[in-house]
Amino acid sequence: MNDYVVIIFRAFILYFALLLIFRFMGKREIGQLSILDLVVVFMIGDMAVMAIDSPDKPLLFSLYPILVLAIIQIVLAYFSMKSQRFREVMDGRAAIIISQGKIDEKEMKRQRYNFDDLLIQLREKNIVNIENVEYAILEPTGKLSVIEKKNVKNPKDNTPFPLVIDGVIQEESLASINKSDTWLRAQLQKRGYPDIKWISICTYDDGTFYIDERNQP
């Protein structure tokens, strides 16, 4: 019974201690977690759990490494505010995924970012047509910032079907519109794309194709 009381007491103390630590580390830790922030948060969380599960060890002994991590994070945040170069090294740089309506596949590969990720994040912003995007910027936090083209028509209710992704025909999408590989290849050839492997993405919406070619090596 005493062990349960000790665990509850330690959990209570650690809860308020962590609340103060994260509050002191700044609101940025809550709203915009970078990779570095996530590492610190996970480590502190693991240490807090170990402290609760080890009632035989002094509580201060468990709090020391948590305080050290918090101090390290605060110091790094200070240098990040003072130096853009340091900030880019620690948090990474924003990456332009779409520039003037053209998708940069090389940058996507560098960021380990695929077309499914791109389509999902565009849909989250209520953008169903890639052709309506002027710029798309992948922020260091992993969020996608999008600037739409001017004079964009009102979006349709239906979502375009991705027929080709990374040079591979999407059979399920073709089946959804009751079309065949032969039909798709013929349509692409009419538009000057004889080789599907050089298409990064092709979508189809009510008779309208959007096609983006791979960057040539």
N, C-alpha and C. Protein backbone atom coordinates (compact mmCIF):
# COMPACT_ATOMS: atom_id res chain seq x y z
N MET A 1 0.83 -1.21 0.00
CA MET A 1 0.00 0.00 0.00
C MET A 1 0.86 1.26 0.00
N ASN A 2 1.96 1.24 0.71
CA ASN A 2 2.85 2.40 0.76
C ASN A 2 3.43 2.73 -0.60
N ASP A 3 3.73 1.66 -1.36
CA ASP A 3 4.27 1.88 -2.71
C ASP A 3 3.28 2.62 -3.59
N TYR A 4 2.00 2.29 -3.47
CA TYR A 4 0.98 2.98 -4.26
C TYR A 4 0.90 4.45 -3.88
N VAL A 5 0.98 4.72 -2.61
CA VAL A 5 0.95 6.11 -2.14
C VAL A 5 2.14 6.88 -2.68
N VAL A 6 3.32 6.24 -2.65
CA VAL A 6 4.53 6.88 -3.15
C VAL A 6 4.43 7.17 -4.64
N ILE A 7 3.90 6.19 -5.41
CA ILE A 7 3.75 6.37 -6.86
C ILE A 7 2.80 7.52 -7.17
N ILE A 8 1.68 7.56 -6.44
CA ILE A 8 0.72 8.64 -6.66
C ILE A 8 1.35 9.99 -6.31
N PHE A 9 2.08 10.04 -5.23
CA PHE A 9 2.74 11.29 -4.81
C PHE A 9 3.76 11.74 -5.85
N ARG A 10 4.57 10.78 -6.34
CA ARG A 10 5.59 11.11 -7.35
C ARG A 10 4.95 11.58 -8.66
N ALA A 11 3.86 10.91 -9.04
CA ALA A 11 3.16 11.32 -10.26
C ALA A 11 2.62 12.74 -10.12
N PHE A 12 2.08 13.06 -8.95
CA PHE A 12 1.54 14.39 -8.68
C PHE A 12 2.64 15.44 -8.77
N ILE A 13 3.79 15.18 -8.12
CA ILE A 13 4.91 16.12 -8.12
C ILE A 13 5.48 16.29 -9.53
N LEU A 14 5.67 15.17 -10.23
CA LEU A 14 6.26 15.22 -11.56
C LEU A 14 5.33 15.93 -12.55
N TYR A 15 4.03 15.75 -12.38
CA TYR A 15 3.08 16.41 -13.27
C TYR A 15 3.27 17.93 -13.23
N PHE A 16 3.28 18.47 -12.02
CA PHE A 16 3.41 19.92 -11.89
C PHE A 16 4.84 20.39 -12.22
N ALA A 17 5.82 19.54 -11.96
CA ALA A 17 7.20 19.89 -12.30
C ALA A 17 7.36 19.99 -13.81
N LEU A 18 6.81 19.01 -14.54
CA LEU A 18 6.88 19.03 -16.01
C LEU A 18 6.07 20.18 -16.58
N LEU A 19 4.93 20.47 -15.96
CA LEU A 19 4.11 21.59 -16.41
C LEU A 19 4.89 22.89 -16.34
N LEU A 20 5.60 23.09 -15.24
CA LEU A 20 6.42 24.30 -15.08
C LEU A 20 7.59 24.32 -16.05
N ILE A 21 8.22 23.16 -16.25
CA ILE A 21 9.37 23.07 -17.15
C ILE A 21 8.97 23.42 -18.57
N PHE A 22 7.88 22.81 -19.06
CA PHE A 22 7.45 23.09 -20.43
C PHE A 22 6.94 24.52 -20.57
N ARG A 23 6.33 25.03 -19.53
CA ARG A 23 5.88 26.44 -19.57
C ARG A 23 7.09 27.36 -19.66
N PHE A 24 8.13 27.02 -18.95
CA PHE A 24 9.34 27.83 -18.95
C PHE A 24 10.08 27.71 -20.29
N MET A 25 9.97 26.56 -20.92
CA MET A 25 10.64 26.36 -22.21
C MET A 25 10.01 27.17 -23.32
N GLY A 26 8.77 27.63 -23.12
CA GLY A 26 8.16 28.53 -24.10
C GLY A 26 6.99 27.91 -24.82
N LYS A 27 6.12 28.77 -25.35
CA LYS A 27 4.92 28.31 -26.04
C LYS A 27 5.24 27.64 -27.36
N ARG A 28 6.39 27.94 -27.94
CA ARG A 28 6.76 27.32 -29.20
C ARG A 28 6.81 25.81 -29.08
N GLU A 29 7.17 25.32 -27.89
CA GLU A 29 7.25 23.88 -27.69
C GLU A 29 5.88 23.22 -27.85
N ILE A 30 4.81 23.98 -27.62
CA ILE A 30 3.47 23.43 -27.71
C ILE A 30 2.93 23.54 -29.13
N GLY A 31 3.12 24.70 -29.74
CA GLY A 31 2.49 24.96 -31.03
C GLY A 31 3.25 24.48 -32.24
N GLN A 32 4.59 24.48 -32.20
CA GLN A 32 5.38 24.15 -33.38
C GLN A 32 6.56 23.28 -32.97
N LEU A 33 6.31 22.03 -32.84
CA LEU A 33 7.36 21.11 -32.43
C LEU A 33 8.22 20.74 -33.63
N SER A 34 9.51 21.09 -33.55
CA SER A 34 10.47 20.66 -34.56
C SER A 34 10.99 19.28 -34.19
N ILE A 35 11.88 18.72 -35.03
CA ILE A 35 12.45 17.42 -34.73
C ILE A 35 13.20 17.45 -33.40
N LEU A 36 13.98 18.52 -33.18
CA LEU A 36 14.72 18.65 -31.93
C LEU A 36 13.77 18.73 -30.74
N ASP A 37 12.69 19.48 -30.89
CA ASP A 37 11.70 19.58 -29.82
C ASP A 37 11.09 18.22 -29.48
N LEU A 38 10.77 17.47 -30.53
CA LEU A 38 10.15 16.16 -30.31
C LEU A 38 11.09 15.22 -29.56
N VAL A 39 12.38 15.26 -29.93
CA VAL A 39 13.36 14.41 -29.25
C VAL A 39 13.39 14.72 -27.75
N VAL A 40 13.43 16.01 -27.42
CA VAL A 40 13.48 16.42 -26.02
C VAL A 40 12.20 16.03 -25.29
N VAL A 41 11.05 16.26 -25.92
CA VAL A 41 9.77 15.93 -25.30
C VAL A 41 9.67 14.43 -25.01
N PHE A 42 10.06 13.60 -25.99
CA PHE A 42 9.99 12.15 -25.79
C PHE A 42 10.94 11.69 -24.69
N MET A 43 12.15 12.27 -24.68
CA MET A 43 13.12 11.88 -23.65
C MET A 43 12.64 12.27 -22.26
N ILE A 44 12.11 13.48 -22.15
CA ILE A 44 11.60 13.93 -20.85
C ILE A 44 10.42 13.06 -20.41
N GLY A 45 9.55 12.71 -21.37
CA GLY A 45 8.41 11.86 -21.05
C GLY A 45 8.85 10.49 -20.55
N ASP A 46 9.85 9.90 -21.23
CA ASP A 46 10.36 8.59 -20.80
C ASP A 46 10.99 8.66 -19.41
N MET A 47 11.74 9.74 -19.17
CA MET A 47 12.37 9.89 -17.86
C MET A 47 11.34 10.06 -16.76
N ALA A 48 10.26 10.77 -17.07
CA ALA A 48 9.20 10.96 -16.07
C ALA A 48 8.53 9.64 -15.74
N VAL A 49 8.28 8.82 -16.76
CA VAL A 49 7.67 7.50 -16.53
C VAL A 49 8.59 6.63 -15.68
N MET A 50 9.88 6.64 -16.01
CA MET A 50 10.85 5.85 -15.23
C MET A 50 10.90 6.33 -13.78
N ALA A 51 10.78 7.65 -13.59
CA ALA A 51 10.81 8.19 -12.22
C ALA A 51 9.59 7.73 -11.41
N ILE A 52 8.43 7.66 -12.07
CA ILE A 52 7.22 7.22 -11.38
C ILE A 52 7.30 5.73 -11.06
N ASP A 53 7.88 4.96 -11.99
CA ASP A 53 7.95 3.50 -11.82
C ASP A 53 9.09 3.05 -10.90
N SER A 54 9.88 4.00 -10.43
CA SER A 54 11.01 3.64 -9.56
C SER A 54 10.89 4.36 -8.22
N PRO A 55 9.95 3.93 -7.39
CA PRO A 55 9.74 4.62 -6.10
C PRO A 55 10.89 4.45 -5.12
N ASP A 56 11.79 3.50 -5.42
CA ASP A 56 12.92 3.28 -4.51
C ASP A 56 14.02 4.29 -4.69
N LYS A 57 14.01 5.02 -5.85
CA LYS A 57 15.04 6.02 -6.12
C LYS A 57 14.57 7.39 -5.67
N PRO A 58 15.49 8.24 -5.19
CA PRO A 58 15.10 9.60 -4.78
C PRO A 58 14.49 10.39 -5.93
N LEU A 59 13.46 11.17 -5.65
CA LEU A 59 12.77 11.92 -6.69
C LEU A 59 13.70 12.95 -7.34
N LEU A 60 14.54 13.59 -6.54
CA LEU A 60 15.46 14.58 -7.09
C LEU A 60 16.44 13.94 -8.07
N PHE A 61 16.82 12.70 -7.78
CA PHE A 61 17.73 11.98 -8.67
C PHE A 61 17.11 11.83 -10.07
N SER A 62 15.79 11.68 -10.13
CA SER A 62 15.09 11.56 -11.41
C SER A 62 14.85 12.91 -12.07
N LEU A 63 14.75 13.95 -11.26
CA LEU A 63 14.47 15.28 -11.81
C LEU A 63 15.71 15.93 -12.43
N TYR A 64 16.89 15.55 -11.97
CA TYR A 64 18.13 16.17 -12.47
C TYR A 64 18.27 16.06 -13.99
N PRO A 65 18.20 14.84 -14.56
CA PRO A 65 18.37 14.74 -16.02
C PRO A 65 17.27 15.48 -16.79
N ILE A 66 16.05 15.52 -16.23
CA ILE A 66 14.97 16.26 -16.88
C ILE A 66 15.29 17.75 -16.92
N LEU A 67 15.80 18.27 -15.80
CA LEU A 67 16.18 19.69 -15.75
C LEU A 67 17.34 19.98 -16.70
N VAL A 68 18.29 19.04 -16.80
CA VAL A 68 19.43 19.23 -17.71
C VAL A 68 18.94 19.33 -19.15
N LEU A 69 18.03 18.42 -19.55
CA LEU A 69 17.48 18.46 -20.90
C LEU A 69 16.74 19.77 -21.17
N ALA A 70 15.98 20.22 -20.18
CA ALA A 70 15.25 21.48 -20.33
C ALA A 70 16.20 22.65 -20.51
N ILE A 71 17.28 22.68 -19.75
CA ILE A 71 18.27 23.76 -19.86
C ILE A 71 18.95 23.72 -21.23
N ILE A 72 19.30 22.50 -21.69
CA ILE A 72 19.92 22.36 -23.02
C ILE A 72 18.98 22.91 -24.09
N GLN A 73 17.70 22.56 -23.99
CA GLN A 73 16.73 23.02 -24.99
C GLN A 73 16.58 24.53 -24.97
N ILE A 74 16.56 25.12 -23.79
CA ILE A 74 16.44 26.58 -23.67
C ILE A 74 17.66 27.28 -24.27
N VAL A 75 18.85 26.72 -24.00
CA VAL A 75 20.08 27.31 -24.55
C VAL A 75 20.09 27.21 -26.07
N LEU A 76 19.69 26.04 -26.61
CA LEU A 76 19.64 25.87 -28.06
C LEU A 76 18.62 26.81 -28.69
N ALA A 77 17.48 26.99 -28.01
CA ALA A 77 16.46 27.91 -28.52
C ALA A 77 16.98 29.34 -28.55
N TYR A 78 17.79 29.70 -27.55
CA TYR A 78 18.38 31.05 -27.51
C TYR A 78 19.31 31.27 -28.70
N PHE A 79 20.19 30.29 -28.96
CA PHE A 79 21.11 30.42 -30.09
C PHE A 79 20.36 30.39 -31.42
N SER A 80 19.24 29.65 -31.47
CA SER A 80 18.44 29.60 -32.69
C SER A 80 17.84 30.96 -33.00
N MET A 81 17.44 31.69 -31.96
CA MET A 81 16.89 33.03 -32.17
C MET A 81 17.96 34.01 -32.64
N LYS A 82 19.21 33.78 -32.21
CA LYS A 82 20.28 34.72 -32.52
C LYS A 82 20.93 34.45 -33.88
N SER A 83 20.88 33.19 -34.34
CA SER A 83 21.60 32.84 -35.55
C SER A 83 20.72 32.04 -36.50
N GLN A 84 20.52 32.58 -37.71
CA GLN A 84 19.72 31.86 -38.71
C GLN A 84 20.44 30.58 -39.15
N ARG A 85 21.77 30.65 -39.29
CA ARG A 85 22.54 29.48 -39.69
C ARG A 85 22.40 28.35 -38.67
N PHE A 86 22.49 28.69 -37.41
CA PHE A 86 22.35 27.70 -36.34
C PHE A 86 20.93 27.12 -36.35
N ARG A 87 19.95 27.97 -36.60
CA ARG A 87 18.56 27.54 -36.63
C ARG A 87 18.33 26.55 -37.78
N GLU A 88 18.95 26.82 -38.93
CA GLU A 88 18.80 25.91 -40.07
C GLU A 88 19.45 24.56 -39.81
N VAL A 89 20.60 24.59 -39.10
CA VAL A 89 21.28 23.33 -38.78
C VAL A 89 20.46 22.50 -37.81
N MET A 90 19.87 23.13 -36.81
CA MET A 90 19.14 22.41 -35.77
C MET A 90 17.73 22.02 -36.20
N ASP A 91 17.02 22.94 -36.84
CA ASP A 91 15.62 22.70 -37.17
C ASP A 91 15.39 22.31 -38.63
N GLY A 92 16.40 22.54 -39.48
CA GLY A 92 16.21 22.29 -40.90
C GLY A 92 15.68 23.52 -41.61
N ARG A 93 15.64 23.44 -42.94
CA ARG A 93 15.17 24.57 -43.75
C ARG A 93 13.85 24.22 -44.42
N ALA A 94 13.10 25.25 -44.74
CA ALA A 94 11.88 25.03 -45.51
C ALA A 94 12.26 24.57 -46.91
N ALA A 95 11.48 23.67 -47.47
CA ALA A 95 11.76 23.11 -48.79
C ALA A 95 10.61 23.46 -49.74
N ILE A 96 10.95 23.98 -50.91
CA ILE A 96 9.93 24.33 -51.91
C ILE A 96 9.61 23.07 -52.71
N ILE A 97 8.40 22.56 -52.54
CA ILE A 97 7.96 21.34 -53.22
C ILE A 97 7.36 21.65 -54.58
N ILE A 98 6.59 22.75 -54.65
CA ILE A 98 6.01 23.20 -55.92
C ILE A 98 6.40 24.65 -56.12
N SER A 99 6.99 24.94 -57.27
CA SER A 99 7.41 26.30 -57.59
C SER A 99 6.84 26.71 -58.95
N GLN A 100 6.03 27.76 -58.95
CA GLN A 100 5.38 28.25 -60.16
C GLN A 100 4.61 27.12 -60.86
N GLY A 101 3.94 26.32 -60.04
CA GLY A 101 3.10 25.25 -60.57
C GLY A 101 3.82 23.98 -60.95
N LYS A 102 5.17 23.96 -60.82
CA LYS A 102 5.96 22.77 -61.20
C LYS A 102 6.44 22.05 -59.96
N ILE A 103 6.19 20.74 -59.92
CA ILE A 103 6.61 19.92 -58.79
C ILE A 103 8.10 19.61 -58.89
N ASP A 104 8.80 19.75 -57.78
CA ASP A 104 10.24 19.45 -57.72
C ASP A 104 10.42 18.07 -57.09
N GLU A 105 10.55 17.04 -57.95
CA GLU A 105 10.67 15.67 -57.44
C GLU A 105 11.99 15.45 -56.70
N LYS A 106 13.04 16.11 -57.13
CA LYS A 106 14.34 15.94 -56.47
C LYS A 106 14.27 16.43 -55.02
N GLU A 107 13.61 17.56 -54.83
CA GLU A 107 13.48 18.09 -53.46
C GLU A 107 12.59 17.18 -52.63
N MET A 108 11.56 16.61 -53.25
CA MET A 108 10.69 15.68 -52.54
C MET A 108 11.48 14.47 -52.06
N LYS A 109 12.36 13.96 -52.91
CA LYS A 109 13.17 12.80 -52.52
C LYS A 109 14.14 13.16 -51.40
N ARG A 110 14.70 14.37 -51.48
CA ARG A 110 15.61 14.79 -50.40
C ARG A 110 14.89 14.87 -49.06
N GLN A 111 13.63 15.24 -49.11
CA GLN A 111 12.85 15.40 -47.88
C GLN A 111 12.14 14.11 -47.47
N ARG A 112 12.34 13.02 -48.24
CA ARG A 112 11.63 11.76 -48.00
C ARG A 112 10.11 12.00 -47.98
N TYR A 113 9.67 12.74 -49.00
CA TYR A 113 8.28 13.20 -49.07
C TYR A 113 7.68 12.66 -50.36
N ASN A 114 6.59 11.91 -50.28
CA ASN A 114 6.04 11.29 -51.48
C ASN A 114 4.76 11.98 -51.93
N PHE A 115 4.24 11.52 -53.08
CA PHE A 115 3.07 12.16 -53.66
C PHE A 115 1.81 11.92 -52.83
N ASP A 116 1.74 10.79 -52.15
CA ASP A 116 0.59 10.56 -51.27
C ASP A 116 0.57 11.61 -50.15
N ASP A 117 1.75 11.90 -49.58
CA ASP A 117 1.84 12.94 -48.55
C ASP A 117 1.36 14.28 -49.11
N LEU A 118 1.81 14.60 -50.32
CA LEU A 118 1.46 15.87 -50.94
C LEU A 118 -0.04 15.98 -51.17
N LEU A 119 -0.65 14.94 -51.74
CA LEU A 119 -2.08 14.97 -52.03
C LEU A 119 -2.90 15.06 -50.74
N ILE A 120 -2.48 14.33 -49.70
CA ILE A 120 -3.20 14.36 -48.43
C ILE A 120 -3.16 15.76 -47.83
N GLN A 121 -1.97 16.37 -47.80
CA GLN A 121 -1.86 17.69 -47.18
C GLN A 121 -2.56 18.77 -47.99
N LEU A 122 -2.63 18.60 -49.30
CA LEU A 122 -3.38 19.54 -50.12
C LEU A 122 -4.88 19.41 -49.85
N ARG A 123 -5.35 18.17 -49.73
CA ARG A 123 -6.78 17.96 -49.43
C ARG A 123 -7.14 18.52 -48.07
N GLU A 124 -6.21 18.43 -47.11
CA GLU A 124 -6.47 19.01 -45.78
C GLU A 124 -6.68 20.52 -45.86
N LYS A 125 -6.15 21.13 -46.91
CA LYS A 125 -6.31 22.58 -47.11
C LYS A 125 -7.42 22.88 -48.12
N ASN A 126 -8.24 21.85 -48.40
CA ASN A 126 -9.37 21.98 -49.33
C ASN A 126 -8.91 22.32 -50.75
N ILE A 127 -7.75 21.84 -51.13
CA ILE A 127 -7.24 22.00 -52.48
C ILE A 127 -7.24 20.63 -53.15
N VAL A 128 -8.10 20.45 -54.14
CA VAL A 128 -8.23 19.14 -54.78
C VAL A 128 -7.47 19.05 -56.09
N ASN A 129 -7.13 20.19 -56.68
CA ASN A 129 -6.41 20.21 -57.95
C ASN A 129 -5.00 20.77 -57.77
N ILE A 130 -4.00 19.96 -58.07
CA ILE A 130 -2.62 20.44 -57.96
C ILE A 130 -2.37 21.60 -58.92
N GLU A 131 -3.09 21.61 -60.03
CA GLU A 131 -2.88 22.67 -61.02
C GLU A 131 -3.24 24.05 -60.48
N ASN A 132 -3.97 24.10 -59.36
CA ASN A 132 -4.33 25.38 -58.75
C ASN A 132 -3.26 25.93 -57.82
N VAL A 133 -2.17 25.16 -57.64
CA VAL A 133 -1.13 25.54 -56.68
C VAL A 133 0.02 26.26 -57.40
N GLU A 134 0.33 27.45 -56.92
CA GLU A 134 1.48 28.20 -57.45
C GLU A 134 2.74 27.81 -56.71
N TYR A 135 2.68 27.81 -55.38
CA TYR A 135 3.82 27.40 -54.55
C TYR A 135 3.33 26.52 -53.41
N ALA A 136 4.12 25.51 -53.09
CA ALA A 136 3.88 24.67 -51.91
C ALA A 136 5.22 24.52 -51.20
N ILE A 137 5.24 24.91 -49.93
CA ILE A 137 6.49 24.93 -49.17
C ILE A 137 6.35 24.00 -47.97
N LEU A 138 7.25 23.04 -47.87
CA LEU A 138 7.27 22.12 -46.74
C LEU A 138 8.09 22.75 -45.62
N GLU A 139 7.41 23.11 -44.54
CA GLU A 139 8.06 23.79 -43.43
C GLU A 139 8.89 22.81 -42.60
N PRO A 140 9.85 23.31 -41.81
CA PRO A 140 10.65 22.42 -40.95
C PRO A 140 9.81 21.61 -39.97
N THR A 141 8.60 22.10 -39.64
CA THR A 141 7.72 21.37 -38.72
C THR A 141 6.98 20.23 -39.42
N GLY A 142 7.09 20.15 -40.77
CA GLY A 142 6.38 19.11 -41.51
C GLY A 142 5.06 19.59 -42.09
N LYS A 143 4.66 20.81 -41.76
CA LYS A 143 3.43 21.36 -42.32
C LYS A 143 3.68 21.87 -43.74
N LEU A 144 2.63 21.86 -44.54
CA LEU A 144 2.73 22.33 -45.91
C LEU A 144 2.04 23.68 -46.04
N SER A 145 2.80 24.69 -46.44
CA SER A 145 2.24 26.02 -46.71
C SER A 145 1.98 26.13 -48.20
N VAL A 146 0.78 26.58 -48.57
CA VAL A 146 0.37 26.59 -49.97
C VAL A 146 -0.07 27.99 -50.39
N ILE A 147 0.42 28.40 -51.56
CA ILE A 147 -0.03 29.64 -52.19
C ILE A 147 -0.72 29.26 -53.49
N GLU A 148 -1.99 29.57 -53.59
CA GLU A 148 -2.75 29.20 -54.78
C GLU A 148 -2.54 30.21 -55.91
N LYS A 149 -2.77 29.74 -57.11
CA LYS A 149 -2.68 30.62 -58.27
C LYS A 149 -3.83 31.64 -58.22
N LYS A 150 -3.59 32.79 -58.83
CA LYS A 150 -4.62 33.81 -58.88
C LYS A 150 -5.68 33.41 -59.90
N ASN A 151 -6.89 33.95 -59.70
CA ASN A 151 -8.01 33.70 -60.61
C ASN A 151 -8.32 32.22 -60.75
N VAL A 152 -8.22 31.50 -59.62
CA VAL A 152 -8.56 30.08 -59.63
C VAL A 152 -10.07 29.93 -59.65
N LYS A 153 -10.54 29.03 -60.49
CA LYS A 153 -11.98 28.78 -60.57
C LYS A 153 -12.46 28.10 -59.30
N ASN A 154 -13.74 28.23 -59.05
CA ASN A 154 -14.31 27.58 -57.87
C ASN A 154 -14.09 26.08 -57.95
N PRO A 155 -13.61 25.46 -56.87
CA PRO A 155 -13.34 24.04 -56.91
C PRO A 155 -14.60 23.21 -57.10
N LYS A 156 -14.45 22.08 -57.81
CA LYS A 156 -15.58 21.19 -58.02
C LYS A 156 -15.78 20.32 -56.78
N ASP A 157 -16.96 19.69 -56.74
CA ASP A 157 -17.27 18.84 -55.60
C ASP A 157 -16.46 17.55 -55.62
N ASN A 158 -16.15 17.06 -56.83
CA ASN A 158 -15.44 15.79 -56.92
C ASN A 158 -13.93 16.00 -56.83
N THR A 159 -13.24 14.96 -56.41
CA THR A 159 -11.79 15.00 -56.26
C THR A 159 -11.14 14.31 -57.46
N PRO A 160 -10.11 14.92 -58.06
CA PRO A 160 -9.45 14.29 -59.21
C PRO A 160 -8.88 12.92 -58.85
N PHE A 161 -8.92 12.01 -59.81
CA PHE A 161 -8.36 10.68 -59.62
C PHE A 161 -6.88 10.68 -60.01
N PRO A 162 -5.99 10.20 -59.13
CA PRO A 162 -4.59 10.07 -59.51
C PRO A 162 -4.40 8.82 -60.38
N LEU A 163 -4.13 9.02 -61.66
CA LEU A 163 -3.99 7.88 -62.58
C LEU A 163 -2.55 7.38 -62.68
N VAL A 164 -1.59 8.30 -62.50
CA VAL A 164 -0.17 7.91 -62.52
C VAL A 164 0.53 8.61 -61.36
N ILE A 165 1.28 7.85 -60.60
CA ILE A 165 2.10 8.41 -59.52
C ILE A 165 3.49 7.80 -59.61
N ASP A 166 4.49 8.65 -59.72
CA ASP A 166 5.89 8.19 -59.81
C ASP A 166 6.09 7.22 -60.97
N GLY A 167 5.44 7.50 -62.09
CA GLY A 167 5.63 6.65 -63.27
C GLY A 167 4.91 5.32 -63.22
N VAL A 168 4.02 5.14 -62.24
CA VAL A 168 3.30 3.87 -62.09
C VAL A 168 1.80 4.13 -62.24
N ILE A 169 1.15 3.34 -63.09
CA ILE A 169 -0.29 3.47 -63.30
C ILE A 169 -1.04 3.00 -62.06
N GLN A 170 -2.02 3.78 -61.64
CA GLN A 170 -2.84 3.45 -60.48
C GLN A 170 -4.10 2.72 -60.95
N GLU A 171 -4.03 1.39 -60.89
CA GLU A 171 -5.09 0.55 -61.43
C GLU A 171 -6.44 0.80 -60.75
N GLU A 172 -6.43 1.02 -59.43
CA GLU A 172 -7.68 1.24 -58.71
C GLU A 172 -8.39 2.49 -59.18
N SER A 173 -7.61 3.54 -59.45
CA SER A 173 -8.22 4.78 -59.94
C SER A 173 -8.81 4.59 -61.34
N LEU A 174 -8.10 3.85 -62.16
CA LEU A 174 -8.62 3.57 -63.51
C LEU A 174 -9.93 2.79 -63.42
N ALA A 175 -9.97 1.81 -62.52
CA ALA A 175 -11.19 1.02 -62.35
C ALA A 175 -12.34 1.89 -61.86
N SER A 176 -12.03 2.90 -61.06
CA SER A 176 -13.07 3.77 -60.51
C SER A 176 -13.75 4.59 -61.60
N ILE A 177 -13.01 4.91 -62.66
CA ILE A 177 -13.59 5.69 -63.75
C ILE A 177 -13.91 4.82 -64.97
N ASN A 178 -13.82 3.48 -64.75
CA ASN A 178 -14.15 2.51 -65.81
C ASN A 178 -13.31 2.71 -67.08
N LYS A 179 -12.02 2.91 -66.88
CA LYS A 179 -11.10 3.07 -68.00
C LYS A 179 -10.00 2.01 -67.90
N SER A 180 -9.30 1.80 -69.03
CA SER A 180 -8.26 0.78 -69.08
C SER A 180 -6.88 1.41 -69.24
N ASP A 181 -5.83 0.57 -69.08
CA ASP A 181 -4.46 1.03 -69.30
C ASP A 181 -4.29 1.53 -70.73
N THR A 182 -4.91 0.81 -71.67
CA THR A 182 -4.78 1.18 -73.08
C THR A 182 -5.35 2.57 -73.32
N TRP A 183 -6.51 2.84 -72.72
CA TRP A 183 -7.12 4.17 -72.86
C TRP A 183 -6.20 5.25 -72.29
N LEU A 184 -5.65 4.99 -71.12
CA LEU A 184 -4.79 5.98 -70.48
C LEU A 184 -3.54 6.25 -71.32
N ARG A 185 -2.91 5.19 -71.79
CA ARG A 185 -1.70 5.36 -72.60
C ARG A 185 -2.00 6.14 -73.88
N ALA A 186 -3.17 5.87 -74.47
CA ALA A 186 -3.55 6.57 -75.70
C ALA A 186 -3.78 8.06 -75.42
N GLN A 187 -4.45 8.35 -74.29
CA GLN A 187 -4.71 9.74 -73.93
C GLN A 187 -3.40 10.51 -73.65
N LEU A 188 -2.48 9.85 -72.99
CA LEU A 188 -1.20 10.49 -72.68
C LEU A 188 -0.37 10.70 -73.94
N GLN A 189 -0.44 9.72 -74.85
CA GLN A 189 0.33 9.85 -76.09
C GLN A 189 -0.20 11.02 -76.93
N LYS A 190 -1.52 11.20 -76.93
CA LYS A 190 -2.11 12.34 -77.65
C LYS A 190 -1.57 13.67 -77.13
N ARG A 191 -1.26 13.68 -75.84
CA ARG A 191 -0.80 14.91 -75.20
C ARG A 191 0.72 15.02 -75.15
N GLY A 192 1.38 14.14 -75.88
CA GLY A 192 2.84 14.23 -76.00
C GLY A 192 3.62 13.54 -74.91
N TYR A 193 3.02 12.51 -74.29
CA TYR A 193 3.71 11.76 -73.24
C TYR A 193 3.70 10.27 -73.60
N PRO A 194 4.60 9.86 -74.48
CA PRO A 194 4.61 8.46 -74.92
C PRO A 194 5.10 7.48 -73.85
N ASP A 195 5.91 7.96 -72.91
CA ASP A 195 6.50 7.07 -71.91
C ASP A 195 6.00 7.46 -70.52
N ILE A 196 5.21 6.58 -69.91
CA ILE A 196 4.58 6.89 -68.62
C ILE A 196 5.61 7.04 -67.51
N LYS A 197 6.74 6.36 -67.63
CA LYS A 197 7.72 6.40 -66.55
C LYS A 197 8.29 7.80 -66.32
N TRP A 198 8.12 8.71 -67.30
CA TRP A 198 8.62 10.08 -67.13
C TRP A 198 7.56 11.02 -66.58
N ILE A 199 6.43 10.47 -66.16
CA ILE A 199 5.37 11.28 -65.56
C ILE A 199 5.45 11.14 -64.05
N SER A 200 5.58 12.23 -63.35
CA SER A 200 5.64 12.18 -61.88
C SER A 200 4.24 12.00 -61.31
N ILE A 201 3.28 12.74 -61.84
CA ILE A 201 1.89 12.58 -61.39
C ILE A 201 0.95 12.99 -62.51
N CYS A 202 -0.13 12.25 -62.63
CA CYS A 202 -1.18 12.56 -63.61
C CYS A 202 -2.52 12.35 -62.93
N THR A 203 -3.34 13.39 -62.90
CA THR A 203 -4.68 13.26 -62.32
C THR A 203 -5.72 13.53 -63.40
N TYR A 204 -6.92 13.01 -63.15
CA TYR A 204 -8.01 13.12 -64.13
C TYR A 204 -9.27 13.56 -63.42
N ASP A 205 -9.91 14.58 -63.97
CA ASP A 205 -11.12 15.11 -63.33
C ASP A 205 -12.11 15.56 -64.40
N ASP A 206 -13.14 14.75 -64.60
CA ASP A 206 -14.24 15.12 -65.50
C ASP A 206 -13.72 15.53 -66.88
N GLY A 207 -12.83 14.69 -67.45
CA GLY A 207 -12.32 14.94 -68.80
C GLY A 207 -11.09 15.81 -68.86
N THR A 208 -10.66 16.33 -67.72
CA THR A 208 -9.49 17.22 -67.68
C THR A 208 -8.31 16.50 -67.04
N PHE A 209 -7.17 16.53 -67.74
CA PHE A 209 -5.94 15.92 -67.24
C PHE A 209 -5.04 16.99 -66.64
N TYR A 210 -4.40 16.64 -65.53
CA TYR A 210 -3.27 17.43 -65.01
C TYR A 210 -2.06 16.53 -65.04
N ILE A 211 -1.00 16.96 -65.73
CA ILE A 211 0.19 16.12 -65.90
C ILE A 211 1.43 16.91 -65.50
N ASP A 212 2.25 16.29 -64.67
CA ASP A 212 3.52 16.89 -64.28
C ASP A 212 4.63 15.90 -64.60
N GLU A 213 5.60 16.34 -65.41
CA GLU A 213 6.70 15.47 -65.80
C GLU A 213 7.77 15.41 -64.72
N ARG A 214 8.50 14.29 -64.70
CA ARG A 214 9.64 14.18 -63.82
C ARG A 214 10.72 15.17 -64.25
N ASN A 215 11.51 15.63 -63.31
CA ASN A 215 12.66 16.47 -63.65
C ASN A 215 13.68 15.62 -64.41
N GLN A 216 14.13 16.10 -65.52
CA GLN A 216 15.09 15.36 -66.32
C GLN A 216 16.44 15.35 -65.62
N PRO A 217 17.15 14.19 -65.61
CA PRO A 217 18.47 14.12 -64.94
C PRO A 217 19.50 14.97 -65.66
